[in-house]
N, C-alpha and C. Protein backbone atom coordinates (compact mmCIF):
# COMPACT_ATOMS: atom_id res chain seq x y z
N MET A 1 28.06 26.97 -11.28
CA MET A 1 28.04 25.58 -11.72
C MET A 1 26.78 25.33 -12.53
N SER A 2 26.87 24.53 -13.59
CA SER A 2 25.71 24.22 -14.41
C SER A 2 25.05 22.95 -13.89
N LYS A 3 24.19 22.37 -14.71
CA LYS A 3 23.46 21.15 -14.33
C LYS A 3 24.43 20.08 -13.85
N PRO A 4 24.12 19.39 -12.73
CA PRO A 4 25.02 18.38 -12.18
C PRO A 4 25.31 17.25 -13.17
N GLN A 5 26.58 16.87 -13.26
CA GLN A 5 26.98 15.75 -14.13
C GLN A 5 26.72 14.41 -13.44
N ASN A 6 26.85 14.41 -12.11
CA ASN A 6 26.62 13.19 -11.32
C ASN A 6 25.61 13.56 -10.22
N PRO A 7 24.32 13.68 -10.59
CA PRO A 7 23.34 14.22 -9.66
C PRO A 7 22.98 13.30 -8.52
N VAL A 8 22.81 13.91 -7.34
CA VAL A 8 22.33 13.21 -6.15
C VAL A 8 21.11 13.98 -5.68
N GLN A 9 19.97 13.27 -5.55
CA GLN A 9 18.76 13.96 -5.13
C GLN A 9 18.83 14.34 -3.67
N MET A 10 18.54 15.61 -3.40
CA MET A 10 18.58 16.13 -2.04
C MET A 10 17.20 16.41 -1.46
N ALA A 11 16.22 16.66 -2.34
CA ALA A 11 14.90 17.05 -1.86
C ALA A 11 13.89 16.97 -2.99
N VAL A 12 12.62 17.09 -2.62
CA VAL A 12 11.55 17.24 -3.60
C VAL A 12 10.61 18.32 -3.08
N ILE A 13 10.20 19.20 -3.98
CA ILE A 13 9.33 20.31 -3.61
C ILE A 13 7.90 19.81 -3.52
N GLY A 14 7.23 20.22 -2.44
CA GLY A 14 5.83 19.85 -2.23
C GLY A 14 4.91 21.01 -2.53
N ALA A 15 3.91 21.17 -1.70
CA ALA A 15 2.88 22.18 -1.91
C ALA A 15 3.35 23.57 -1.53
N ALA A 16 2.67 24.55 -2.10
CA ALA A 16 2.91 25.94 -1.73
C ALA A 16 2.50 26.14 -0.27
N HIS A 17 3.18 27.08 0.40
CA HIS A 17 2.89 27.36 1.82
C HIS A 17 2.63 28.85 1.93
N GLY A 18 1.37 29.21 2.09
CA GLY A 18 1.03 30.63 2.19
C GLY A 18 0.93 31.27 0.82
N ILE A 19 0.93 32.61 0.81
CA ILE A 19 0.70 33.34 -0.44
C ILE A 19 1.94 34.10 -0.93
N LYS A 20 3.06 33.99 -0.20
CA LYS A 20 4.24 34.79 -0.57
C LYS A 20 5.33 33.98 -1.25
N GLY A 21 4.99 32.81 -1.81
CA GLY A 21 5.97 32.05 -2.58
C GLY A 21 6.73 30.99 -1.82
N GLU A 22 6.42 30.81 -0.54
CA GLU A 22 7.12 29.77 0.22
C GLU A 22 6.60 28.39 -0.19
N LEU A 23 7.45 27.38 0.00
CA LEU A 23 7.12 26.02 -0.38
C LEU A 23 7.48 25.03 0.71
N ARG A 24 6.67 23.98 0.82
CA ARG A 24 7.01 22.87 1.71
C ARG A 24 7.94 21.95 0.91
N VAL A 25 9.05 21.57 1.52
CA VAL A 25 10.05 20.76 0.83
C VAL A 25 10.41 19.55 1.69
N LYS A 26 10.36 18.37 1.09
CA LYS A 26 10.80 17.15 1.77
C LYS A 26 12.27 16.94 1.43
N THR A 27 13.10 16.86 2.47
CA THR A 27 14.54 16.71 2.25
C THR A 27 14.98 15.27 2.47
N PHE A 28 16.10 14.91 1.86
CA PHE A 28 16.71 13.60 2.04
C PHE A 28 18.08 13.74 2.71
N THR A 29 18.26 14.83 3.43
CA THR A 29 19.51 15.07 4.14
C THR A 29 19.35 14.61 5.59
N GLY A 30 20.44 14.25 6.25
CA GLY A 30 20.38 13.83 7.65
C GLY A 30 19.74 14.90 8.51
N ASP A 31 20.15 16.14 8.33
CA ASP A 31 19.57 17.28 9.02
C ASP A 31 18.81 18.09 7.96
N PRO A 32 17.47 18.12 8.03
CA PRO A 32 16.70 18.84 7.01
C PRO A 32 17.15 20.28 6.79
N MET A 33 17.58 20.95 7.86
CA MET A 33 18.00 22.35 7.74
C MET A 33 19.30 22.49 6.95
N ALA A 34 20.04 21.40 6.81
CA ALA A 34 21.31 21.45 6.08
C ALA A 34 21.11 21.61 4.58
N LEU A 35 19.89 21.51 4.11
CA LEU A 35 19.64 21.65 2.68
C LEU A 35 20.21 22.95 2.12
N ALA A 36 20.19 23.99 2.94
CA ALA A 36 20.68 25.29 2.49
C ALA A 36 22.21 25.36 2.42
N ASP A 37 22.91 24.33 2.96
CA ASP A 37 24.36 24.38 3.02
C ASP A 37 25.06 23.92 1.74
N TYR A 38 24.31 23.39 0.78
CA TYR A 38 24.93 22.79 -0.40
C TYR A 38 25.00 23.73 -1.60
N GLY A 39 24.59 24.98 -1.42
CA GLY A 39 24.62 25.92 -2.54
C GLY A 39 23.39 25.73 -3.41
N PRO A 40 23.49 26.13 -4.67
CA PRO A 40 22.32 26.02 -5.55
C PRO A 40 21.87 24.57 -5.71
N LEU A 41 20.57 24.39 -5.80
CA LEU A 41 19.97 23.09 -6.08
C LEU A 41 19.46 23.13 -7.51
N TYR A 42 19.47 21.98 -8.18
CA TYR A 42 19.12 21.95 -9.60
C TYR A 42 17.98 20.99 -9.87
N ALA A 43 17.08 21.40 -10.76
CA ALA A 43 16.02 20.51 -11.24
C ALA A 43 16.61 19.64 -12.35
N ARG A 44 15.88 18.61 -12.76
CA ARG A 44 16.36 17.72 -13.82
C ARG A 44 16.62 18.47 -15.12
N ASP A 45 15.84 19.51 -15.37
CA ASP A 45 16.00 20.27 -16.62
C ASP A 45 17.10 21.33 -16.54
N GLY A 46 17.82 21.39 -15.42
CA GLY A 46 18.94 22.32 -15.30
C GLY A 46 18.62 23.63 -14.61
N ARG A 47 17.34 23.91 -14.31
CA ARG A 47 17.00 25.14 -13.58
C ARG A 47 17.66 25.13 -12.22
N ALA A 48 18.22 26.28 -11.84
CA ALA A 48 18.89 26.40 -10.54
C ALA A 48 17.97 27.09 -9.54
N PHE A 49 18.04 26.63 -8.27
CA PHE A 49 17.22 27.20 -7.20
C PHE A 49 18.13 27.58 -6.05
N GLN A 50 18.08 28.85 -5.64
CA GLN A 50 18.88 29.35 -4.54
C GLN A 50 17.97 29.57 -3.33
N ILE A 51 18.29 28.93 -2.22
CA ILE A 51 17.49 29.08 -1.00
C ILE A 51 17.83 30.41 -0.33
N THR A 52 16.81 31.23 -0.06
CA THR A 52 17.04 32.49 0.64
C THR A 52 16.57 32.42 2.10
N ASP A 53 15.68 31.46 2.40
CA ASP A 53 15.21 31.29 3.77
C ASP A 53 14.72 29.86 3.94
N ILE A 54 14.97 29.29 5.11
CA ILE A 54 14.53 27.93 5.40
C ILE A 54 14.19 27.82 6.88
N ARG A 55 13.09 27.11 7.18
CA ARG A 55 12.72 26.88 8.58
C ARG A 55 12.02 25.53 8.70
N PRO A 56 12.14 24.88 9.86
CA PRO A 56 11.50 23.57 10.03
C PRO A 56 9.99 23.69 10.17
N ALA A 57 9.28 22.63 9.73
CA ALA A 57 7.82 22.57 9.88
C ALA A 57 7.41 21.11 9.89
N ASN A 58 7.26 20.55 11.08
CA ASN A 58 6.91 19.14 11.24
C ASN A 58 7.91 18.23 10.55
N THR A 59 7.46 17.47 9.54
CA THR A 59 8.35 16.51 8.88
C THR A 59 9.03 17.07 7.64
N VAL A 60 8.80 18.35 7.34
CA VAL A 60 9.40 18.99 6.16
C VAL A 60 10.06 20.30 6.58
N VAL A 61 10.57 21.02 5.60
CA VAL A 61 11.04 22.38 5.84
C VAL A 61 10.24 23.31 4.93
N VAL A 62 10.08 24.54 5.37
CA VAL A 62 9.45 25.56 4.54
C VAL A 62 10.58 26.42 3.98
N VAL A 63 10.59 26.52 2.66
CA VAL A 63 11.71 27.17 1.96
C VAL A 63 11.20 28.32 1.10
N ARG A 64 12.01 29.38 1.08
CA ARG A 64 11.78 30.47 0.12
C ARG A 64 12.95 30.45 -0.85
N PHE A 65 12.63 30.36 -2.15
CA PHE A 65 13.65 30.37 -3.20
C PHE A 65 13.73 31.74 -3.83
N LYS A 66 14.93 32.12 -4.20
CA LYS A 66 15.16 33.41 -4.87
C LYS A 66 14.33 33.45 -6.16
N GLY A 67 13.58 34.54 -6.32
CA GLY A 67 12.80 34.75 -7.53
C GLY A 67 11.40 34.17 -7.49
N ILE A 68 11.06 33.45 -6.43
CA ILE A 68 9.70 32.89 -6.29
C ILE A 68 9.01 33.71 -5.21
N SER A 69 8.08 34.58 -5.62
CA SER A 69 7.52 35.53 -4.66
C SER A 69 6.02 35.50 -4.53
N ASP A 70 5.34 34.59 -5.26
CA ASP A 70 3.89 34.50 -5.07
C ASP A 70 3.43 33.05 -5.14
N ARG A 71 2.21 32.82 -4.71
CA ARG A 71 1.68 31.46 -4.61
C ARG A 71 1.62 30.77 -5.98
N ASN A 72 1.24 31.49 -7.03
CA ASN A 72 1.14 30.88 -8.36
C ASN A 72 2.48 30.33 -8.83
N ALA A 73 3.54 31.10 -8.64
CA ALA A 73 4.88 30.65 -9.03
C ALA A 73 5.29 29.45 -8.19
N ALA A 74 4.93 29.48 -6.90
CA ALA A 74 5.27 28.37 -6.00
C ALA A 74 4.52 27.10 -6.39
N GLU A 75 3.23 27.22 -6.70
CA GLU A 75 2.43 26.05 -7.07
C GLU A 75 2.96 25.37 -8.33
N ALA A 76 3.53 26.15 -9.23
CA ALA A 76 4.06 25.59 -10.47
C ALA A 76 5.27 24.69 -10.23
N LEU A 77 5.89 24.79 -9.06
CA LEU A 77 7.09 24.00 -8.76
C LEU A 77 6.79 22.69 -8.03
N ALA A 78 5.54 22.46 -7.64
CA ALA A 78 5.20 21.25 -6.88
C ALA A 78 5.65 20.00 -7.63
N GLY A 79 6.32 19.10 -6.91
CA GLY A 79 6.80 17.86 -7.49
C GLY A 79 8.19 17.93 -8.09
N THR A 80 8.79 19.11 -8.12
CA THR A 80 10.12 19.26 -8.70
C THR A 80 11.17 18.62 -7.80
N GLU A 81 11.97 17.72 -8.36
CA GLU A 81 13.05 17.08 -7.61
C GLU A 81 14.28 17.98 -7.68
N LEU A 82 15.00 18.08 -6.55
CA LEU A 82 16.16 18.96 -6.47
C LEU A 82 17.44 18.15 -6.25
N PHE A 83 18.48 18.50 -7.00
CA PHE A 83 19.73 17.75 -6.98
C PHE A 83 20.93 18.66 -6.76
N VAL A 84 22.03 18.04 -6.32
CA VAL A 84 23.34 18.68 -6.34
C VAL A 84 24.29 17.69 -7.01
N ASP A 85 25.44 18.15 -7.39
CA ASP A 85 26.43 17.24 -7.96
C ASP A 85 27.11 16.46 -6.83
N ARG A 86 27.42 15.22 -7.08
CA ARG A 86 28.06 14.35 -6.07
C ARG A 86 29.33 14.99 -5.51
N SER A 87 30.02 15.78 -6.31
CA SER A 87 31.30 16.36 -5.90
C SER A 87 31.17 17.34 -4.73
N VAL A 88 29.98 17.90 -4.48
CA VAL A 88 29.83 18.86 -3.38
C VAL A 88 29.48 18.18 -2.06
N LEU A 89 29.26 16.86 -2.08
CA LEU A 89 28.90 16.14 -0.86
C LEU A 89 30.14 15.65 -0.13
N PRO A 90 30.10 15.64 1.19
CA PRO A 90 31.25 15.18 1.97
C PRO A 90 31.44 13.68 1.87
N ASP A 91 32.66 13.22 2.10
CA ASP A 91 32.98 11.79 2.09
C ASP A 91 33.31 11.28 3.47
N ASP A 92 32.82 11.94 4.51
CA ASP A 92 33.22 11.57 5.88
C ASP A 92 32.13 10.80 6.62
N GLY A 93 31.33 10.00 5.89
CA GLY A 93 30.29 9.21 6.53
C GLY A 93 30.87 7.99 7.23
N GLU A 94 29.99 7.22 7.85
CA GLU A 94 30.40 5.98 8.50
C GLU A 94 30.90 5.00 7.46
N GLU A 95 31.63 3.98 7.92
CA GLU A 95 32.20 2.99 7.00
C GLU A 95 31.13 2.27 6.20
N ASP A 96 29.96 2.04 6.79
CA ASP A 96 28.91 1.30 6.09
C ASP A 96 27.79 2.20 5.58
N GLU A 97 28.09 3.48 5.34
CA GLU A 97 27.14 4.42 4.76
C GLU A 97 27.59 4.78 3.35
N PHE A 98 26.62 4.80 2.43
CA PHE A 98 26.95 5.08 1.03
C PHE A 98 25.90 5.99 0.43
N TYR A 99 26.31 6.81 -0.50
CA TYR A 99 25.36 7.59 -1.29
C TYR A 99 24.81 6.66 -2.36
N HIS A 100 23.50 6.78 -2.62
CA HIS A 100 22.89 5.96 -3.66
C HIS A 100 23.62 6.14 -4.99
N ALA A 101 24.03 7.38 -5.29
CA ALA A 101 24.71 7.65 -6.55
C ALA A 101 26.02 6.88 -6.67
N ASP A 102 26.66 6.58 -5.53
CA ASP A 102 27.92 5.82 -5.57
C ASP A 102 27.68 4.34 -5.84
N LEU A 103 26.50 3.84 -5.51
CA LEU A 103 26.19 2.42 -5.69
C LEU A 103 25.74 2.11 -7.12
N VAL A 104 25.06 3.07 -7.75
CA VAL A 104 24.57 2.86 -9.10
C VAL A 104 25.75 2.70 -10.06
N GLY A 105 25.71 1.64 -10.85
CA GLY A 105 26.77 1.37 -11.81
C GLY A 105 27.79 0.35 -11.34
N LEU A 106 27.75 -0.01 -10.04
CA LEU A 106 28.71 -0.99 -9.54
C LEU A 106 28.40 -2.38 -10.07
N GLU A 107 29.45 -3.15 -10.32
CA GLU A 107 29.30 -4.53 -10.74
C GLU A 107 28.83 -5.36 -9.56
N VAL A 108 27.98 -6.34 -9.81
CA VAL A 108 27.49 -7.24 -8.77
C VAL A 108 28.22 -8.57 -8.95
N ARG A 109 28.87 -9.03 -7.89
CA ARG A 109 29.62 -10.29 -7.93
C ARG A 109 29.09 -11.25 -6.88
N ASP A 110 29.28 -12.57 -7.15
CA ASP A 110 28.90 -13.56 -6.14
C ASP A 110 30.07 -13.84 -5.23
N GLU A 111 29.93 -14.83 -4.33
CA GLU A 111 30.98 -15.09 -3.34
C GLU A 111 32.28 -15.59 -3.96
N THR A 112 32.22 -16.08 -5.21
CA THR A 112 33.45 -16.55 -5.87
C THR A 112 34.13 -15.43 -6.65
N GLY A 113 33.47 -14.28 -6.75
CA GLY A 113 34.02 -13.16 -7.50
C GLY A 113 33.52 -13.08 -8.93
N ALA A 114 32.66 -14.03 -9.32
CA ALA A 114 32.11 -14.03 -10.68
C ALA A 114 31.10 -12.90 -10.83
N ALA A 115 31.15 -12.24 -11.97
CA ALA A 115 30.23 -11.13 -12.24
C ALA A 115 28.84 -11.66 -12.52
N LEU A 116 27.84 -11.09 -11.83
CA LEU A 116 26.45 -11.49 -12.02
C LEU A 116 25.65 -10.44 -12.79
N GLY A 117 26.00 -9.17 -12.61
CA GLY A 117 25.23 -8.11 -13.24
C GLY A 117 25.71 -6.75 -12.77
N LYS A 118 24.77 -5.80 -12.72
CA LYS A 118 25.11 -4.42 -12.43
C LYS A 118 23.99 -3.75 -11.66
N VAL A 119 24.35 -2.88 -10.71
CA VAL A 119 23.36 -2.09 -9.97
C VAL A 119 22.89 -0.96 -10.88
N VAL A 120 21.57 -0.90 -11.14
CA VAL A 120 21.05 0.15 -12.02
C VAL A 120 20.30 1.24 -11.27
N ALA A 121 19.88 0.93 -10.02
CA ALA A 121 19.18 1.94 -9.22
C ALA A 121 19.15 1.48 -7.78
N VAL A 122 18.84 2.42 -6.89
CA VAL A 122 18.63 2.11 -5.47
C VAL A 122 17.28 2.70 -5.10
N HIS A 123 16.42 1.87 -4.50
CA HIS A 123 15.08 2.30 -4.12
C HIS A 123 14.92 2.18 -2.61
N ASN A 124 13.96 2.93 -2.11
CA ASN A 124 13.55 2.77 -0.71
C ASN A 124 12.06 3.04 -0.66
N PHE A 125 11.28 1.97 -0.46
CA PHE A 125 9.83 2.08 -0.43
C PHE A 125 9.32 2.13 1.00
N GLY A 126 10.22 2.39 1.95
CA GLY A 126 9.82 2.52 3.34
C GLY A 126 10.34 1.41 4.24
N GLY A 127 10.83 0.32 3.66
CA GLY A 127 11.31 -0.79 4.47
C GLY A 127 12.81 -0.96 4.42
N GLY A 128 13.53 0.03 3.94
CA GLY A 128 14.98 -0.05 3.82
C GLY A 128 15.40 0.02 2.36
N ASP A 129 16.68 0.22 2.13
CA ASP A 129 17.19 0.35 0.78
C ASP A 129 17.18 -0.98 0.05
N ILE A 130 16.90 -0.91 -1.24
CA ILE A 130 16.86 -2.09 -2.11
C ILE A 130 17.66 -1.78 -3.36
N LEU A 131 18.55 -2.71 -3.73
CA LEU A 131 19.33 -2.56 -4.96
C LEU A 131 18.53 -3.14 -6.12
N ASP A 132 18.40 -2.35 -7.18
CA ASP A 132 17.77 -2.81 -8.42
C ASP A 132 18.92 -3.26 -9.31
N VAL A 133 18.99 -4.58 -9.56
CA VAL A 133 20.13 -5.17 -10.25
C VAL A 133 19.69 -5.81 -11.55
N THR A 134 20.41 -5.53 -12.63
CA THR A 134 20.19 -6.22 -13.90
C THR A 134 21.18 -7.36 -13.96
N LEU A 135 20.65 -8.58 -14.05
CA LEU A 135 21.49 -9.77 -14.13
C LEU A 135 21.66 -10.18 -15.59
N ALA A 136 22.81 -10.76 -15.91
CA ALA A 136 23.06 -11.20 -17.27
C ALA A 136 21.99 -12.19 -17.70
N GLY A 137 21.37 -11.92 -18.84
CA GLY A 137 20.38 -12.83 -19.38
C GLY A 137 19.02 -12.76 -18.71
N ARG A 138 18.81 -11.85 -17.75
CA ARG A 138 17.53 -11.75 -17.05
C ARG A 138 17.12 -10.30 -16.94
N LYS A 139 15.85 -10.11 -16.63
CA LYS A 139 15.39 -8.77 -16.30
C LYS A 139 15.93 -8.42 -14.92
N GLY A 140 15.67 -7.21 -14.50
CA GLY A 140 16.16 -6.78 -13.19
C GLY A 140 15.55 -7.53 -12.02
N VAL A 141 16.31 -7.61 -10.96
CA VAL A 141 15.83 -8.19 -9.71
C VAL A 141 16.11 -7.19 -8.60
N LEU A 142 15.35 -7.30 -7.53
CA LEU A 142 15.53 -6.43 -6.38
C LEU A 142 16.21 -7.21 -5.26
N ILE A 143 17.27 -6.63 -4.70
CA ILE A 143 18.04 -7.28 -3.65
C ILE A 143 18.04 -6.36 -2.43
N PRO A 144 17.67 -6.87 -1.25
CA PRO A 144 17.70 -6.01 -0.06
C PRO A 144 19.14 -5.58 0.23
N PHE A 145 19.33 -4.30 0.50
CA PHE A 145 20.67 -3.79 0.79
C PHE A 145 20.93 -3.96 2.28
N THR A 146 21.15 -5.22 2.67
CA THR A 146 21.42 -5.57 4.06
C THR A 146 22.80 -6.20 4.15
N GLN A 147 23.32 -6.30 5.36
CA GLN A 147 24.64 -6.91 5.57
C GLN A 147 24.64 -8.37 5.13
N ALA A 148 23.52 -9.08 5.36
CA ALA A 148 23.44 -10.49 4.99
C ALA A 148 23.42 -10.67 3.47
N ALA A 149 22.64 -9.87 2.77
CA ALA A 149 22.50 -10.03 1.33
C ALA A 149 23.66 -9.42 0.56
N VAL A 150 24.20 -8.30 1.08
CA VAL A 150 25.30 -7.60 0.40
C VAL A 150 26.42 -7.40 1.43
N PRO A 151 27.22 -8.45 1.68
CA PRO A 151 28.22 -8.36 2.74
C PRO A 151 29.41 -7.45 2.43
N ASP A 152 29.71 -7.22 1.16
CA ASP A 152 30.87 -6.39 0.81
C ASP A 152 30.50 -5.33 -0.22
N VAL A 153 30.94 -4.10 0.04
CA VAL A 153 30.77 -3.01 -0.92
C VAL A 153 32.13 -2.35 -1.08
N SER A 154 32.60 -2.28 -2.31
CA SER A 154 33.87 -1.61 -2.59
C SER A 154 33.66 -0.57 -3.67
N ILE A 155 33.42 0.67 -3.23
CA ILE A 155 33.24 1.76 -4.18
C ILE A 155 34.51 1.96 -4.99
N ALA A 156 35.66 1.90 -4.32
CA ALA A 156 36.94 2.14 -4.98
C ALA A 156 37.21 1.12 -6.08
N GLU A 157 36.87 -0.16 -5.83
CA GLU A 157 37.13 -1.20 -6.81
C GLU A 157 35.94 -1.42 -7.74
N GLY A 158 34.83 -0.74 -7.47
CA GLY A 158 33.70 -0.77 -8.39
C GLY A 158 32.80 -1.99 -8.34
N PHE A 159 32.63 -2.60 -7.16
CA PHE A 159 31.74 -3.77 -7.10
C PHE A 159 31.07 -3.91 -5.74
N VAL A 160 29.99 -4.68 -5.74
CA VAL A 160 29.36 -5.16 -4.51
C VAL A 160 29.35 -6.68 -4.61
N ARG A 161 29.55 -7.34 -3.46
CA ARG A 161 29.48 -8.80 -3.43
C ARG A 161 28.18 -9.18 -2.75
N VAL A 162 27.43 -10.09 -3.37
CA VAL A 162 26.17 -10.53 -2.79
C VAL A 162 26.26 -11.99 -2.37
N ASP A 163 25.47 -12.33 -1.38
CA ASP A 163 25.27 -13.72 -0.99
C ASP A 163 24.01 -14.15 -1.73
N PRO A 164 24.13 -15.02 -2.75
CA PRO A 164 22.98 -15.36 -3.59
C PRO A 164 21.78 -15.90 -2.81
N VAL A 165 22.01 -16.66 -1.73
CA VAL A 165 20.89 -17.20 -0.95
C VAL A 165 20.20 -16.08 -0.18
N ALA A 166 20.97 -15.28 0.56
CA ALA A 166 20.40 -14.18 1.35
C ALA A 166 19.76 -13.12 0.45
N ALA A 167 20.30 -12.96 -0.76
CA ALA A 167 19.78 -11.97 -1.70
C ALA A 167 18.53 -12.46 -2.42
N GLY A 168 18.20 -13.75 -2.25
CA GLY A 168 17.02 -14.30 -2.90
C GLY A 168 17.24 -14.67 -4.35
N LEU A 169 18.49 -14.82 -4.77
CA LEU A 169 18.78 -15.15 -6.16
C LEU A 169 18.70 -16.65 -6.43
N VAL A 170 18.89 -17.47 -5.40
CA VAL A 170 18.74 -18.93 -5.50
C VAL A 170 17.90 -19.38 -4.32
N GLU A 171 17.23 -20.50 -4.52
CA GLU A 171 16.39 -21.01 -3.44
C GLU A 171 17.24 -21.81 -2.47
N ASP A 172 16.94 -21.65 -1.21
CA ASP A 172 17.61 -22.41 -0.16
C ASP A 172 16.86 -23.72 -0.01
N GLU A 173 17.47 -24.81 -0.46
CA GLU A 173 16.80 -26.11 -0.41
C GLU A 173 16.70 -26.58 1.03
N ASP A 174 15.48 -26.80 1.46
CA ASP A 174 15.24 -27.29 2.81
C ASP A 174 14.54 -28.64 2.68
N ASP A 175 15.26 -29.72 3.01
CA ASP A 175 14.73 -31.07 2.82
C ASP A 175 13.49 -31.34 3.65
N ASP A 176 13.31 -30.63 4.77
CA ASP A 176 12.17 -30.87 5.64
C ASP A 176 10.91 -30.14 5.18
N ALA A 177 11.06 -29.21 4.27
CA ALA A 177 9.91 -28.43 3.83
C ALA A 177 9.03 -29.28 2.91
N PRO A 178 7.70 -29.16 3.00
CA PRO A 178 6.83 -29.93 2.12
C PRO A 178 7.04 -29.49 0.67
N ARG A 179 7.01 -30.46 -0.22
CA ARG A 179 7.20 -30.17 -1.63
C ARG A 179 5.86 -30.31 -2.35
N GLU A 180 5.70 -29.57 -3.43
CA GLU A 180 4.44 -29.58 -4.16
C GLU A 180 4.11 -30.98 -4.67
N GLU A 181 5.13 -31.74 -5.11
CA GLU A 181 4.87 -33.08 -5.65
C GLU A 181 4.43 -34.06 -4.56
N ASP A 182 4.65 -33.72 -3.29
CA ASP A 182 4.24 -34.58 -2.19
C ASP A 182 2.80 -34.33 -1.75
N PHE A 183 2.16 -33.31 -2.29
CA PHE A 183 0.81 -32.93 -1.87
C PHE A 183 -0.22 -33.86 -2.48
N ASP A 184 -1.11 -34.42 -1.67
CA ASP A 184 -2.19 -35.28 -2.14
C ASP A 184 -3.50 -34.57 -1.85
N PRO A 185 -4.16 -34.03 -2.89
CA PRO A 185 -5.38 -33.28 -2.65
C PRO A 185 -6.52 -34.13 -2.11
N LYS A 186 -6.45 -35.49 -2.29
CA LYS A 186 -7.51 -36.37 -1.79
C LYS A 186 -7.26 -36.79 -0.36
N GLY A 187 -6.06 -36.60 0.10
CA GLY A 187 -5.73 -36.96 1.47
C GLY A 187 -6.44 -36.05 2.45
N ARG A 188 -6.77 -36.59 3.60
CA ARG A 188 -7.44 -35.78 4.61
C ARG A 188 -6.52 -35.64 5.81
N PRO A 189 -6.48 -34.48 6.40
CA PRO A 189 -5.63 -34.30 7.58
C PRO A 189 -6.17 -35.09 8.76
N ARG A 190 -5.27 -35.53 9.63
CA ARG A 190 -5.68 -36.24 10.83
C ARG A 190 -6.28 -35.23 11.81
N GLY A 191 -7.24 -35.66 12.56
CA GLY A 191 -7.90 -34.79 13.51
C GLY A 191 -9.36 -35.18 13.63
N PRO A 192 -10.12 -34.49 14.47
CA PRO A 192 -11.54 -34.83 14.65
C PRO A 192 -12.31 -34.68 13.34
N ARG A 193 -13.23 -35.62 13.09
CA ARG A 193 -14.02 -35.63 11.85
C ARG A 193 -14.82 -34.33 11.70
N ASP A 194 -15.37 -33.77 12.82
CA ASP A 194 -16.17 -32.56 12.71
C ASP A 194 -15.32 -31.33 12.41
N ALA A 195 -13.99 -31.48 12.47
CA ALA A 195 -13.10 -30.38 12.10
C ALA A 195 -12.45 -30.64 10.75
N GLY A 196 -12.94 -31.66 10.02
CA GLY A 196 -12.40 -31.94 8.69
C GLY A 196 -11.35 -33.02 8.68
N GLY A 197 -11.07 -33.64 9.83
CA GLY A 197 -10.04 -34.68 9.90
C GLY A 197 -10.62 -36.04 9.55
N ASN A 198 -9.82 -37.09 9.73
CA ASN A 198 -10.28 -38.43 9.38
C ASN A 198 -10.42 -39.33 10.58
N ARG A 199 -10.63 -38.75 11.78
CA ARG A 199 -10.87 -39.60 12.98
C ARG A 199 -12.32 -39.60 13.31
C-alpha cells in the first residue's frame, strides 16, 4: 500500500532509546501495543515504517523499525507523525465513538436542520475533544464535542447537529444577570465603611 489517501494518525515518534535504533513512541490507540497490528505506518511524506519489535515503557512504547539500526538514524525520526489509512481500521466501536477522520468534513447543522458550517478539524488539548468548525461568513469556532453541544452525529448522512446555546454559538440570555449598562462606577457597595461600603 502507498501513502494513505484518508490518513488517521496512530502515533508520533519521540526520542531515541538506547544506541541500537530503538525509539520511544506515543500511540493514540486504545491499547498501545496494538500499534504493531495495523501493518506499515506512514509518515506525511509517504515514507513507510514497519515495526519489527515493540514493548511497553511507562506511558509510551519502545519500538524498533525495520532499517533503523543506530541512534543517529533514530534521532533523525524524532517528531515524525505516523498514519494508517482509515480503511484498515475496524468499525466495531461503541455507538458514541468516532474516529477524528470520520468527523472532519461533516456538515454542521442547527436544531432546525439548517446548515451552519463544516467540521475542519478535531483537537484535543487535554480537556476532551473539540470540533474546529468553519461557520458561513465567520472564521472558525471551537465547539466542545460533548453530548450537550453535539447531540447528534450521523457519519452515514454526513452531518453533526449542534445545540447553538450549549456549543457557545449564541449567548444564553439570563435576565437576572447584571448587565454592563446597569453598572454605576460611582456607586458604592453596601457594607461597612472600613471595608469600602457606604454604611
